[in-house]
Amino acid sequence: MTSLRARLLASILATLAFGALVMGFAAYRNVLHETEALFDYQLRQMALSLRDQGEIAPAQASALADADFDFVVQIWSVDGRTIYASRKHDQLPASVVLGFADVAVGGKTWRSFSVATTNRVIQVAQPLQIRKRLAAEAALRSVMPLLAVAPLMALAVWWLVTLAFRPLQKVASGVRARDAESLAPLPLAGLPDEVTPLVQALNALLQRLDASFGAQRAFVS
């Protein structure tokens, strides 16, 4: 790649892509962690809110059951009697570990929070697979704006680089438009500092050529 413009564009775009990748990954991991923490908070708050709940009759409990509800709840009395279960017992974690725990039941892992009071034990659980899916979806949504803005950033970089190289293109066009006998200096007005030394050097060369041709014409005459 010999084009300075192409090399500059490639370098800037590669840097932007790398930066966007790092930022996107950091945002994804951060939202993933925060969503997991939020789910744990929900488990804990649900369990604590049931500490003073009275006993629910089996008929009423079955009416409250909802297969689409991600969370499952079990409440036992201190003597091991089931006070409430939001689903059939074979679908729920049977073991109780106070606080947060990952419990495996029938090939499925549940994230649970259990709390014990003086007269009952309360457990609220959620399938870990559902938690991870919901957390991943939330994290992906957080980086979608960055993915949407990336093409616009690339277009802006291309436009800015093209604009920056326009003075060089203007000088090149001015040189191409001259005939073989035109030795007038190139205009310096409006040129950026980086281009001005090049044009000054060209003007100095044109001045020397003009002086040389003038001396030759004077010698011939």
C-alpha atoms as a PDB file:
ATOM      1  CA  MET A   1       0.000   0.000   0.000  1.00  0.00           C
ATOM      2  CA  THR A   2       1.836   3.108  -1.278  1.00  0.00           C
ATOM      3  CA  SER A   3      -1.000   5.638  -0.917  1.00  0.00           C
ATOM      4  CA  LEU A   4      -0.496   7.841   2.139  1.00  0.00           C
ATOM      5  CA  ARG A   5      -4.220   8.523   2.249  1.00  0.00           C
ATOM      6  CA  ALA A   6      -5.066   4.820   2.153  1.00  0.00           C
ATOM      7  CA  ARG A   7      -2.510   4.017   4.858  1.00  0.00           C
ATOM      8  CA  LEU A   8      -3.833   6.813   7.071  1.00  0.00           C
ATOM      9  CA  LEU A   9      -7.411   5.694   6.576  1.00  0.00           C
ATOM     10  CA  ALA A  10      -6.534   2.086   7.301  1.00  0.00           C
ATOM     11  CA  SER A  11      -4.601   3.030  10.455  1.00  0.00           C
ATOM     12  CA  ILE A  12      -7.353   5.280  11.835  1.00  0.00           C
ATOM     13  CA  LEU A  13     -10.140   2.829  11.013  1.00  0.00           C
ATOM     14  CA  ALA A  14      -8.196  -0.055  12.562  1.00  0.00           C
ATOM     15  CA  THR A  15      -7.645   2.021  15.704  1.00  0.00           C
ATOM     16  CA  LEU A  16     -11.332   2.948  15.854  1.00  0.00           C
ATOM     17  CA  ALA A  17     -12.373  -0.660  15.318  1.00  0.00           C
ATOM     18  CA  PHE A  18     -10.062  -1.856  18.078  1.00  0.00           C
ATOM     19  CA  GLY A  19     -11.298   0.858  20.440  1.00  0.00           C
ATOM     20  CA  ALA A  20     -14.922   0.060  19.654  1.00  0.00           C
ATOM     21  CA  LEU A  21     -14.249  -3.636  20.219  1.00  0.00           C
ATOM     22  CA  VAL A  22     -12.635  -2.987  23.607  1.00  0.00           C
ATOM     23  CA  MET A  23     -15.409  -0.599  24.654  1.00  0.00           C
ATOM     24  CA  GLY A  24     -18.108  -2.973  23.452  1.00  0.00           C
ATOM     25  CA  PHE A  25     -16.583  -5.912  25.291  1.00  0.00           C
ATOM     26  CA  ALA A  26     -16.183  -3.869  28.481  1.00  0.00           C
ATOM     27  CA  ALA A  27     -19.767  -2.613  28.262  1.00  0.00           C
ATOM     28  CA  TYR A  28     -21.049  -6.129  27.560  1.00  0.00           C
ATOM     29  CA  ARG A  29     -19.215  -7.612  30.548  1.00  0.00           C
ATOM     30  CA  ASN A  30     -20.262  -4.746  32.817  1.00  0.00           C
ATOM     31  CA  VAL A  31     -23.966  -4.997  31.909  1.00  0.00           C
ATOM     32  CA  LEU A  32     -23.790  -8.779  32.174  1.00  0.00           C
ATOM     33  CA  HIS A  33     -22.378  -8.508  35.701  1.00  0.00           C
ATOM     34  CA  GLU A  34     -24.888  -5.819  36.728  1.00  0.00           C
ATOM     35  CA  THR A  35     -27.818  -7.817  35.362  1.00  0.00           C
ATOM     36  CA  GLU A  36     -26.728 -10.911  37.275  1.00  0.00           C
ATOM     37  CA  ALA A  37     -26.489  -8.782  40.423  1.00  0.00           C
ATOM     38  CA  LEU A  38     -29.966  -7.390  39.751  1.00  0.00           C
ATOM     39  CA  PHE A  39     -31.404 -10.901  39.408  1.00  0.00           C
ATOM     40  CA  ASP A  40     -29.803 -11.867  42.729  1.00  0.00           C
ATOM     41  CA  TYR A  41     -31.328  -8.765  44.302  1.00  0.00           C
ATOM     42  CA  GLN A  42     -34.752  -9.771  42.979  1.00  0.00           C
ATOM     43  CA  LEU A  43     -34.381 -13.280  44.416  1.00  0.00           C
ATOM     44  CA  ARG A  44     -33.421 -11.879  47.810  1.00  0.00           C
ATOM     45  CA  GLN A  45     -36.205  -9.296  47.904  1.00  0.00           C
ATOM     46  CA  MET A  46     -38.836 -11.858  46.903  1.00  0.00           C
ATOM     47  CA  ALA A  47     -37.707 -14.256  49.616  1.00  0.00           C
ATOM     48  CA  LEU A  48     -37.586 -11.561  52.287  1.00  0.00           C
ATOM     49  CA  SER A  49     -41.013 -10.247  51.299  1.00  0.00           C
ATOM     50  CA  LEU A  50     -42.517 -13.681  52.075  1.00  0.00           C
ATOM     51  CA  ARG A  51     -41.225 -13.884  55.641  1.00  0.00           C
ATOM     52  CA  ASP A  52     -44.542 -12.771  57.117  1.00  0.00           C
ATOM     53  CA  GLN A  53     -46.790 -14.479  54.562  1.00  0.00           C
ATOM     54  CA  GLY A  54     -49.440 -16.692  56.044  1.00  0.00           C
ATOM     55  CA  GLU A  55     -50.069 -20.257  54.983  1.00  0.00           C
ATOM     56  CA  ILE A  56     -51.563 -20.658  51.505  1.00  0.00           C
ATOM     57  CA  ALA A  57     -54.137 -23.386  50.933  1.00  0.00           C
ATOM     58  CA  PRO A  58     -53.286 -25.960  48.207  1.00  0.00           C
ATOM     59  CA  ALA A  59     -56.278 -24.918  46.074  1.00  0.00           C
ATOM     60  CA  GLN A  60     -55.238 -21.290  46.243  1.00  0.00           C
ATOM     61  CA  ALA A  61     -51.611 -22.171  45.537  1.00  0.00           C
ATOM     62  CA  SER A  62     -52.532 -24.064  42.370  1.00  0.00           C
ATOM     63  CA  ALA A  63     -54.584 -21.114  41.196  1.00  0.00           C
ATOM     64  CA  LEU A  64     -51.549 -18.849  41.627  1.00  0.00           C
ATOM     65  CA  ALA A  65     -49.246 -21.157  39.645  1.00  0.00           C
ATOM     66  CA  ASP A  66     -48.036 -19.766  36.330  1.00  0.00           C
ATOM     67  CA  ALA A  67     -45.877 -21.850  33.983  1.00  0.00           C
ATOM     68  CA  ASP A  68     -44.542 -18.665  32.340  1.00  0.00           C
ATOM     69  CA  PHE A  69     -43.252 -17.292  35.643  1.00  0.00           C
ATOM     70  CA  ASP A  70     -39.468 -17.716  35.721  1.00  0.00           C
ATOM     71  CA  PHE A  71     -39.170 -17.734  39.511  1.00  0.00           C
ATOM     72  CA  VAL A  72     -40.235 -20.645  41.684  1.00  0.00           C
ATOM     73  CA  VAL A  73     -41.043 -20.371  45.371  1.00  0.00           C
ATOM     74  CA  GLN A  74     -41.104 -22.916  48.156  1.00  0.00           C
ATOM     75  CA  ILE A  75     -42.009 -22.268  51.775  1.00  0.00           C
ATOM     76  CA  TRP A  76     -41.639 -24.855  54.526  1.00  0.00           C
ATOM     77  CA  SER A  77     -42.585 -24.789  58.158  1.00  0.00           C
ATOM     78  CA  VAL A  78     -39.897 -25.521  60.725  1.00  0.00           C
ATOM     79  CA  ASP A  79     -41.114 -29.129  60.945  1.00  0.00           C
ATOM     80  CA  GLY A  80     -40.597 -29.640  57.175  1.00  0.00           C
ATOM     81  CA  ARG A  81     -44.243 -29.282  56.086  1.00  0.00           C
ATOM     82  CA  THR A  82     -44.743 -27.524  52.751  1.00  0.00           C
ATOM     83  CA  ILE A  83     -46.689 -24.318  53.195  1.00  0.00           C
ATOM     84  CA  TYR A  84     -46.472 -23.140  49.614  1.00  0.00           C
ATOM     85  CA  ALA A  85     -44.945 -24.312  46.322  1.00  0.00           C
ATOM     86  CA  SER A  86     -45.414 -22.371  43.125  1.00  0.00           C
ATOM     87  CA  ARG A  87     -44.854 -25.486  40.958  1.00  0.00           C
ATOM     88  CA  LYS A  88     -44.897 -29.228  41.283  1.00  0.00           C
ATOM     89  CA  HIS A  89     -42.279 -30.465  43.702  1.00  0.00           C
ATOM     90  CA  ASP A  90     -40.352 -32.480  41.100  1.00  0.00           C
ATOM     91  CA  GLN A  91     -39.669 -29.274  39.173  1.00  0.00           C
ATOM     92  CA  LEU A  92     -38.209 -27.423  42.150  1.00  0.00           C
ATOM     93  CA  PRO A  93     -34.854 -27.579  43.903  1.00  0.00           C
ATOM     94  CA  ALA A  94     -35.385 -29.916  46.837  1.00  0.00           C
ATOM     95  CA  SER A  95     -32.306 -28.949  48.844  1.00  0.00           C
ATOM     96  CA  VAL A  96     -32.043 -25.739  50.824  1.00  0.00           C
ATOM     97  CA  VAL A  97     -28.840 -23.773  51.262  1.00  0.00           C
ATOM     98  CA  LEU A  98     -29.309 -20.542  53.167  1.00  0.00           C
ATOM     99  CA  GLY A  99     -28.272 -17.475  51.224  1.00  0.00           C
ATOM    100  CA  PHE A 100     -27.360 -17.674  47.548  1.00  0.00           C
ATOM    101  CA  ALA A 101     -26.562 -21.022  45.966  1.00  0.00           C
ATOM    102  CA  ASP A 102     -26.468 -22.800  42.602  1.00  0.00           C
ATOM    103  CA  VAL A 103     -28.515 -25.997  42.961  1.00  0.00           C
ATOM    104  CA  ALA A 104     -28.546 -28.750  40.316  1.00  0.00           C
ATOM    105  CA  VAL A 105     -31.853 -30.602  39.839  1.00  0.00           C
ATOM    106  CA  GLY A 106     -32.481 -33.082  37.025  1.00  0.00           C
ATOM    107  CA  GLY A 107     -29.788 -31.724  34.752  1.00  0.00           C
ATOM    108  CA  LYS A 108     -30.900 -28.128  35.312  1.00  0.00           C
ATOM    109  CA  THR A 109     -29.090 -25.615  37.501  1.00  0.00           C
ATOM    110  CA  TRP A 110     -31.078 -23.202  39.626  1.00  0.00           C
ATOM    111  CA  ARG A 111     -29.889 -19.996  41.217  1.00  0.00           C
ATOM    112  CA  SER A 112     -31.600 -19.827  44.595  1.00  0.00           C
ATOM    113  CA  PHE A 113     -31.831 -17.663  47.665  1.00  0.00           C
ATOM    114  CA  SER A 114     -33.107 -19.124  50.928  1.00  0.00           C
ATOM    115  CA  VAL A 115     -33.839 -17.487  54.239  1.00  0.00           C
ATOM    116  CA  ALA A 116     -34.939 -18.997  57.544  1.00  0.00           C
ATOM    117  CA  THR A 117     -37.171 -17.360  60.124  1.00  0.00           C
ATOM    118  CA  THR A 118     -38.312 -18.617  63.509  1.00  0.00           C
ATOM    119  CA  ASN A 119     -41.182 -20.582  61.988  1.00  0.00           C
ATOM    120  CA  ARG A 120     -40.432 -21.140  58.296  1.00  0.00           C
ATOM    121  CA  VAL A 121     -37.863 -21.558  55.560  1.00  0.00           C
ATOM    122  CA  ILE A 122     -38.356 -19.673  52.297  1.00  0.00           C
ATOM    123  CA  GLN A 123     -36.628 -20.457  49.039  1.00  0.00           C
ATOM    124  CA  VAL A 124     -36.905 -18.502  45.777  1.00  0.00           C
ATOM    125  CA  ALA A 125     -35.140 -19.916  42.723  1.00  0.00           C
ATOM    126  CA  GLN A 126     -34.726 -19.236  39.034  1.00  0.00           C
ATOM    127  CA  PRO A 127     -33.244 -21.439  36.287  1.00  0.00           C
ATOM    128  CA  LEU A 128     -29.652 -20.344  35.689  1.00  0.00           C
ATOM    129  CA  GLN A 129     -30.039 -20.806  31.945  1.00  0.00           C
ATOM    130  CA  ILE A 130     -32.873 -18.269  31.823  1.00  0.00           C
ATOM    131  CA  ARG A 131     -30.873 -15.814  33.909  1.00  0.00           C
ATOM    132  CA  LYS A 132     -27.878 -16.087  31.593  1.00  0.00           C
ATOM    133  CA  ARG A 133     -30.045 -15.683  28.489  1.00  0.00           C
ATOM    134  CA  LEU A 134     -31.816 -12.600  29.835  1.00  0.00           C
ATOM    135  CA  ALA A 135     -28.520 -11.119  31.040  1.00  0.00           C
ATOM    136  CA  ALA A 136     -26.870 -11.748  27.657  1.00  0.00           C
ATOM    137  CA  GLU A 137     -29.793 -10.135  25.826  1.00  0.00           C
ATOM    138  CA  ALA A 138     -29.600  -7.067  28.075  1.00  0.00           C
ATOM    139  CA  ALA A 139     -25.828  -6.851  27.600  1.00  0.00           C
ATOM    140  CA  LEU A 140     -26.166  -7.182  23.827  1.00  0.00           C
ATOM    141  CA  ARG A 141     -28.742  -4.405  23.736  1.00  0.00           C
ATOM    142  CA  SER A 142     -26.294  -2.185  25.598  1.00  0.00           C
ATOM    143  CA  VAL A 143     -23.675  -2.469  22.824  1.00  0.00           C
ATOM    144  CA  MET A 144     -26.090  -2.190  19.886  1.00  0.00           C
ATOM    145  CA  PRO A 145     -25.875   1.649  19.814  1.00  0.00           C
ATOM    146  CA  LEU A 146     -22.093   1.360  19.513  1.00  0.00           C
ATOM    147  CA  LEU A 147     -22.447  -1.055  16.601  1.00  0.00           C
ATOM    148  CA  ALA A 148     -24.926   1.296  14.950  1.00  0.00           C
ATOM    149  CA  VAL A 149     -22.645   4.331  15.332  1.00  0.00           C
ATOM    150  CA  ALA A 150     -19.512   2.537  14.080  1.00  0.00           C
ATOM    151  CA  PRO A 151     -20.347   2.900  10.323  1.00  0.00           C
ATOM    152  CA  LEU A 152     -21.107   6.595  10.837  1.00  0.00           C
ATOM    153  CA  MET A 153     -17.765   7.046  12.591  1.00  0.00           C
ATOM    154  CA  ALA A 154     -15.979   5.294   9.712  1.00  0.00           C
ATOM    155  CA  LEU A 155     -17.760   7.552   7.195  1.00  0.00           C
ATOM    156  CA  ALA A 156     -16.803  10.642   9.217  1.00  0.00           C
ATOM    157  CA  VAL A 157     -13.152   9.530   9.318  1.00  0.00           C
ATOM    158  CA  TRP A 158     -13.133   8.968   5.550  1.00  0.00           C
ATOM    159  CA  TRP A 159     -14.608  12.436   4.965  1.00  0.00           C
ATOM    160  CA  LEU A 160     -12.155  14.157   7.331  1.00  0.00           C
ATOM    161  CA  VAL A 161      -9.134  12.432   5.778  1.00  0.00           C
ATOM    162  CA  THR A 162     -10.365  13.362   2.295  1.00  0.00           C
ATOM    163  CA  LEU A 163     -10.804  16.963   3.449  1.00  0.00           C
ATOM    164  CA  ALA A 164      -7.315  17.001   4.979  1.00  0.00           C
ATOM    165  CA  PHE A 165      -5.716  15.827   1.715  1.00  0.00           C
ATOM    166  CA  ARG A 166      -7.619  18.325  -0.431  1.00  0.00           C
ATOM    167  CA  PRO A 167      -4.821  20.975  -0.326  1.00  0.00           C
ATOM    168  CA  LEU A 168      -2.372  18.416  -1.719  1.00  0.00           C
ATOM    169  CA  GLN A 169      -4.817  17.546  -4.462  1.00  0.00           C
ATOM    170  CA  LYS A 170      -5.234  21.261  -5.194  1.00  0.00           C
ATOM    171  CA  VAL A 171      -1.470  21.716  -5.524  1.00  0.00           C
ATOM    172  CA  ALA A 172      -1.186  18.640  -7.739  1.00  0.00           C
ATOM    173  CA  SER A 173      -4.008  19.899  -9.957  1.00  0.00           C
ATOM    174  CA  GLY A 174      -2.324  23.301 -10.237  1.00  0.00           C
ATOM    175  CA  VAL A 175       0.959  21.712 -11.296  1.00  0.00           C
ATOM    176  CA  ARG A 176      -0.735  19.436 -13.844  1.00  0.00           C
ATOM    177  CA  ALA A 177      -2.573  22.374 -15.377  1.00  0.00           C
ATOM    178  CA  ARG A 178       0.673  24.215 -16.213  1.00  0.00           C
ATOM    179  CA  ASP A 179       2.434  24.022 -19.524  1.00  0.00           C
ATOM    180  CA  ALA A 180       6.150  23.347 -19.932  1.00  0.00           C
ATOM    181  CA  GLU A 181       7.056  27.042 -20.038  1.00  0.00           C
ATOM    182  CA  SER A 182       5.069  28.165 -16.982  1.00  0.00           C
ATOM    183  CA  LEU A 183       7.496  28.866 -14.139  1.00  0.00           C
ATOM    184  CA  ALA A 184       5.339  31.203 -12.062  1.00  0.00           C
ATOM    185  CA  PRO A 185       5.336  30.352  -8.348  1.00  0.00           C
ATOM    186  CA  LEU A 186       2.474  28.347  -6.914  1.00  0.00           C
ATOM    187  CA  PRO A 187       0.120  30.232  -4.568  1.00  0.00           C
ATOM    188  CA  LEU A 188       0.716  29.736  -0.855  1.00  0.00           C
ATOM    189  CA  ALA A 189      -2.527  31.261   0.438  1.00  0.00           C
ATOM    190  CA  GLY A 190      -4.767  28.894   2.368  1.00  0.00           C
ATOM    191  CA  LEU A 191      -2.269  26.041   2.503  1.00  0.00           C
ATOM    192  CA  PRO A 192      -1.842  24.156   5.810  1.00  0.00           C
ATOM    193  CA  ASP A 193       1.484  24.336   7.627  1.00  0.00           C
ATOM    194  CA  GLU A 194       2.367  20.767   6.644  1.00  0.00           C
ATOM    195  CA  VAL A 195       1.995  21.499   2.900  1.00  0.00           C
ATOM    196  CA  THR A 196       3.504  24.980   2.818  1.00  0.00           C
ATOM    197  CA  PRO A 197       7.202  23.833   3.014  1.00  0.00           C
ATOM    198  CA  LEU A 198       6.657  21.509   0.040  1.00  0.00           C
ATOM    199  CA  VAL A 199       5.142  24.271  -2.083  1.00  0.00           C
ATOM    200  CA  GLN A 200       7.866  26.710  -1.005  1.00  0.00           C
ATOM    201  CA  ALA A 201      10.474  24.193  -2.124  1.00  0.00           C
ATOM    202  CA  LEU A 202       8.703  23.828  -5.477  1.00  0.00           C
ATOM    203  CA  ASN A 203       8.563  27.610  -5.864  1.00  0.00           C
ATOM    204  CA  ALA A 204      12.273  27.824  -5.087  1.00  0.00           C
ATOM    205  CA  LEU A 205      12.942  25.210  -7.766  1.00  0.00           C
ATOM    206  CA  LEU A 206      10.756  27.084 -10.257  1.00  0.00           C
ATOM    207  CA  GLN A 207      12.605  30.299  -9.409  1.00  0.00           C
ATOM    208  CA  ARG A 208      15.987  28.661 -10.062  1.00  0.00           C
ATOM    209  CA  LEU A 209      14.734  27.194 -13.314  1.00  0.00           C
ATOM    210  CA  ASP A 210      13.350  30.565 -14.357  1.00  0.00           C
ATOM    211  CA  ALA A 211      16.702  32.203 -13.547  1.00  0.00           C
ATOM    212  CA  SER A 212      18.571  29.491 -15.449  1.00  0.00           C
ATOM    213  CA  PHE A 213      16.340  29.781 -18.502  1.00  0.00           C
ATOM    214  CA  GLY A 214      16.652  33.582 -18.332  1.00  0.00           C
ATOM    215  CA  ALA A 215      20.439  33.316 -18.317  1.00  0.00           C
ATOM    216  CA  GLN A 216      20.356  30.946 -21.301  1.00  0.00           C
ATOM    217  CA  ARG A 217      18.101  33.280 -23.261  1.00  0.00           C
ATOM    218  CA  ALA A 218      20.351  36.228 -22.471  1.00  0.00           C
ATOM    219  CA  PHE A 219      23.422  34.222 -23.580  1.00  0.00           C
ATOM    220  CA  VAL A 220      21.772  33.181 -26.845  1.00  0.00           C
ATOM    221  CA  SER A 221      20.655  36.669 -27.603  1.00  0.00           C
END
